């Protein structure tokens, strides 16, 4: 009966008209409507911890570097499946089992062209890893990081990060100039050999 009363009410019928339609008194109709309003409202289900978690992957080919301390960087990356398949085809190997690694360049006060870093340091990472801490670096320096693969004893860069600057862990000397980071790192030269043609030429 209540469903019918609510349906008639939604049609803009008056209480008297609803009572007549349903064979009830006006008081009975009002009572049922008030009882319906008094029903407790069921709150929406509480959001679980999983609902608040960020997605693991975003579908982008990217490598990012975050400064954790004057001597530590956090590097994280994502490689999409199309890029993985292209690399595997180019190297004729299973991408999952190729050794992954990071190449760290100290490019302080340099417009980096891929070859003029103060020093280069390689860091091997686990094949399932998507982030890695690079420790024991120098404070107050500018760094760029390549993510890539080691194939036949050579490093093949795939993605390059933007430059980051580690903070000092000591006071600056009086009058010492501030050095801006390099904002336009060069593209890894090895990756320039990749193209969609490379992928289809081997099939």
Protein backbone atom coordinates (compact mmCIF):
# COMPACT_ATOMS: atom_id res chain seq x y z
CA UNK A 1 0.00 0.00 0.00
CA UNK A 2 2.81 2.40 0.88
CA UNK A 3 4.37 1.95 -2.56
CA UNK A 4 1.06 2.92 -4.18
CA UNK A 5 0.71 5.97 -1.91
CA UNK A 6 4.23 7.11 -2.78
CA UNK A 7 3.60 6.56 -6.48
CA UNK A 8 0.42 8.66 -6.36
CA UNK A 9 2.21 11.29 -4.32
CA UNK A 10 4.92 11.48 -7.00
CA UNK A 11 2.14 12.33 -9.45
CA UNK A 12 1.37 15.48 -7.41
CA UNK A 13 -1.93 14.15 -6.07
CA UNK A 14 -3.26 15.65 -2.84
CA UNK A 15 -3.66 13.65 0.38
CA UNK A 16 -7.43 13.65 -0.09
CA UNK A 17 -7.17 12.36 -3.64
CA UNK A 18 -4.75 9.61 -2.55
CA UNK A 19 -7.07 8.60 0.29
CA UNK A 20 -10.01 8.36 -2.10
CA UNK A 21 -7.97 6.41 -4.66
CA UNK A 22 -6.73 3.91 -2.07
CA UNK A 23 -9.96 3.63 -0.04
CA UNK A 24 -8.27 5.02 3.08
CA UNK A 25 -8.96 7.91 5.39
CA UNK A 26 -6.85 11.06 5.16
CA UNK A 27 -5.42 10.21 8.61
CA UNK A 28 -4.33 6.75 7.44
CA UNK A 29 -2.55 8.20 4.42
CA UNK A 30 -0.75 10.80 6.56
CA UNK A 31 0.25 8.13 9.08
CA UNK A 32 1.81 5.93 6.39
CA UNK A 33 3.68 8.88 4.86
CA UNK A 34 5.04 9.98 8.25
CA UNK A 35 6.09 6.40 9.03
CA UNK A 36 7.96 6.27 5.73
CA UNK A 37 9.82 9.51 6.53
CA UNK A 38 10.76 8.18 9.97
CA UNK A 39 12.54 5.13 8.53
CA UNK A 40 16.27 5.27 9.28
CA UNK A 41 18.40 6.19 6.29
CA UNK A 42 20.91 3.49 5.50
CA UNK A 43 24.34 5.09 5.28
CA UNK A 44 26.44 4.25 2.24
CA UNK A 45 28.94 1.47 2.82
CA UNK A 46 32.20 2.64 4.32
CA UNK A 47 35.04 2.95 1.84
CA UNK A 48 37.73 0.38 2.34
CA UNK A 49 41.44 1.03 2.29
CA UNK A 50 41.60 -0.35 -1.26
CA UNK A 51 39.20 2.35 -2.47
CA UNK A 52 41.72 5.03 -1.45
CA UNK A 53 44.81 3.45 -2.95
CA UNK A 54 46.46 4.98 -5.99
CA UNK A 55 46.63 2.81 -9.11
CA UNK A 56 49.81 0.81 -9.56
CA UNK A 57 50.12 1.71 -13.25
CA UNK A 58 48.95 4.71 -15.29
CA UNK A 59 49.59 3.45 -18.83
CA UNK A 60 52.49 5.81 -19.53
CA UNK A 61 56.15 5.27 -20.41
CA UNK A 62 57.90 7.34 -17.79
CA UNK A 63 60.82 7.48 -15.38
CA UNK A 64 60.84 9.95 -12.49
CA UNK A 65 63.41 10.84 -9.85
CA UNK A 66 62.56 12.16 -6.39
CA UNK A 67 65.14 13.50 -3.96
CA UNK A 68 64.83 11.70 -0.62
CA UNK A 69 67.83 13.23 1.13
CA UNK A 70 71.14 14.92 0.23
CA UNK A 71 72.59 11.47 -0.50
CA UNK A 72 69.57 9.40 -1.66
CA UNK A 73 67.33 9.41 -4.74
CA UNK A 74 64.12 7.46 -5.33
CA UNK A 75 63.70 6.44 -8.96
CA UNK A 76 60.39 4.99 -10.21
CA UNK A 77 59.36 4.02 -13.71
CA UNK A 78 56.63 2.49 -15.83
CA UNK A 79 56.98 0.72 -19.17
CA UNK A 80 53.82 -0.03 -21.14
CA UNK A 81 53.22 -3.34 -22.89
CA UNK A 82 53.56 -1.89 -26.42
CA UNK A 83 56.98 -0.51 -25.48
CA UNK A 84 57.98 -3.83 -23.89
CA UNK A 85 56.99 -5.76 -27.01
CA UNK A 86 58.89 -3.35 -29.24
CA UNK A 87 62.03 -3.69 -27.12
CA UNK A 88 61.74 -7.48 -26.97
CA UNK A 89 61.36 -7.62 -30.75
CA UNK A 90 64.33 -5.32 -31.28
CA UNK A 91 66.57 -7.34 -28.95
CA UNK A 92 65.02 -10.70 -29.90
CA UNK A 93 64.73 -11.57 -26.21
CA UNK A 94 62.10 -11.94 -23.50
CA UNK A 95 61.72 -8.50 -21.90
CA UNK A 96 60.86 -10.03 -18.52
CA UNK A 97 64.22 -11.77 -18.25
CA UNK A 98 66.51 -9.05 -19.55
CA UNK A 99 68.58 -7.40 -16.81
CA UNK A 100 67.17 -3.96 -15.98
CA UNK A 101 69.19 -1.11 -14.58
CA UNK A 102 69.61 2.58 -13.95
CA UNK A 103 72.40 4.82 -15.18
CA UNK A 104 73.02 7.87 -13.02
CA UNK A 105 74.70 10.94 -14.55
CA UNK A 106 76.17 13.82 -12.57
CA UNK A 107 75.45 16.78 -14.86
CA UNK A 108 76.13 19.59 -12.41
CA UNK A 109 76.70 22.87 -14.29
CA UNK A 110 76.55 21.03 -17.62
CA UNK A 111 74.19 21.20 -20.57
CA UNK A 112 74.05 17.43 -20.83
CA UNK A 113 74.56 15.98 -24.31
CA UNK A 114 74.69 12.34 -23.20
CA UNK A 115 78.50 12.20 -23.05
CA UNK A 116 79.73 15.09 -20.92
CA UNK A 117 78.65 14.03 -17.41
CA UNK A 118 81.12 14.49 -14.54
CA UNK A 119 80.69 10.80 -13.78
CA UNK A 120 78.39 7.90 -14.64
CA UNK A 121 77.21 5.21 -12.23
CA UNK A 122 75.26 2.03 -13.09
CA UNK A 123 72.81 0.41 -10.69
CA UNK A 124 71.27 -3.03 -11.37
CA UNK A 125 67.62 -3.46 -10.33
CA UNK A 126 65.42 -6.51 -9.80
CA UNK A 127 63.51 -7.63 -12.89
CA UNK A 128 60.12 -7.18 -11.14
CA UNK A 129 60.96 -3.80 -9.55
CA UNK A 130 59.21 -0.57 -10.51
CA UNK A 131 61.16 1.69 -8.15
CA UNK A 132 64.62 1.77 -6.62
CA UNK A 133 66.58 3.79 -4.07
CA UNK A 134 69.94 5.05 -5.28
CA UNK A 135 72.06 5.79 -2.23
CA UNK A 136 75.49 7.21 -1.43
CA UNK A 137 75.36 10.04 -3.95
CA UNK A 138 76.88 13.47 -3.46
CA UNK A 139 74.83 16.35 -2.02
CA UNK A 140 74.46 19.64 -3.85
CA UNK A 141 74.72 18.04 -7.29
CA UNK A 142 72.48 17.79 -10.37
CA UNK A 143 71.53 14.31 -11.58
CA UNK A 144 69.78 12.72 -14.55
CA UNK A 145 68.80 9.04 -14.57
CA UNK A 146 68.30 6.66 -17.50
CA UNK A 147 66.24 3.50 -17.14
CA UNK A 148 67.40 0.79 -19.50
CA UNK A 149 68.50 -2.77 -20.21
CA UNK A 150 71.83 -4.57 -20.17
CA UNK A 151 72.19 -6.66 -23.28
CA UNK A 152 75.45 -8.28 -24.41
CA UNK A 153 77.48 -6.28 -21.88
CA UNK A 154 76.15 -2.90 -23.00
CA UNK A 155 73.62 -0.56 -21.45
CA UNK A 156 70.67 0.26 -23.70
CA UNK A 157 68.76 3.30 -22.35
CA UNK A 158 64.99 3.37 -22.84
CA UNK A 159 63.72 6.31 -20.79
CA UNK A 160 65.41 9.40 -19.38
CA UNK A 161 64.34 11.45 -16.37
CA UNK A 162 64.39 15.18 -15.94
CA UNK A 163 67.20 16.67 -13.90
CA UNK A 164 66.97 16.84 -10.11
CA UNK A 165 69.22 18.60 -7.61
CA UNK A 166 70.17 17.12 -4.28
CA UNK A 167 70.18 19.61 -1.39
CA UNK A 168 73.35 20.63 0.37
CA UNK A 169 74.26 19.04 3.67
CA UNK A 170 76.51 21.97 4.55
CA UNK A 171 76.30 25.76 4.49
CA UNK A 172 77.05 27.51 1.21
CA UNK A 173 80.19 29.63 1.09
CA UNK A 174 79.73 33.40 1.09
CA UNK A 175 78.97 34.66 -2.41
CA UNK A 176 78.76 31.18 -3.89
CA UNK A 177 76.42 31.28 -6.94
CA UNK A 178 73.26 29.22 -7.10
CA UNK A 179 73.20 26.74 -10.01
CA UNK A 180 69.96 26.05 -11.85
CA UNK A 181 69.23 22.43 -12.89
CA UNK A 182 69.29 21.43 -16.54
CA UNK A 183 65.68 21.36 -17.77
CA UNK A 184 66.25 19.95 -21.25
CA UNK A 185 68.11 16.61 -21.01
CA UNK A 186 69.13 14.96 -24.25
CA UNK A 187 67.15 11.98 -25.53
CA UNK A 188 68.92 8.62 -25.07
CA UNK A 189 70.63 8.00 -28.39
CA UNK A 190 70.04 4.23 -28.39
CA UNK A 191 66.29 4.70 -28.26
CA UNK A 192 66.40 6.77 -31.45
CA UNK A 193 66.97 3.47 -33.28
CA UNK A 194 63.51 2.27 -32.24
CA UNK A 195 60.56 2.74 -34.54
CA UNK A 196 57.38 0.94 -35.36
CA UNK A 197 59.20 -0.24 -38.48
CA UNK A 198 61.79 -2.00 -36.29
CA UNK A 199 58.99 -3.96 -34.66
CA UNK A 200 57.29 -5.09 -37.88
CA UNK A 201 60.46 -5.65 -39.88
CA UNK A 202 61.34 -8.68 -37.74
CA UNK A 203 57.90 -10.36 -37.95
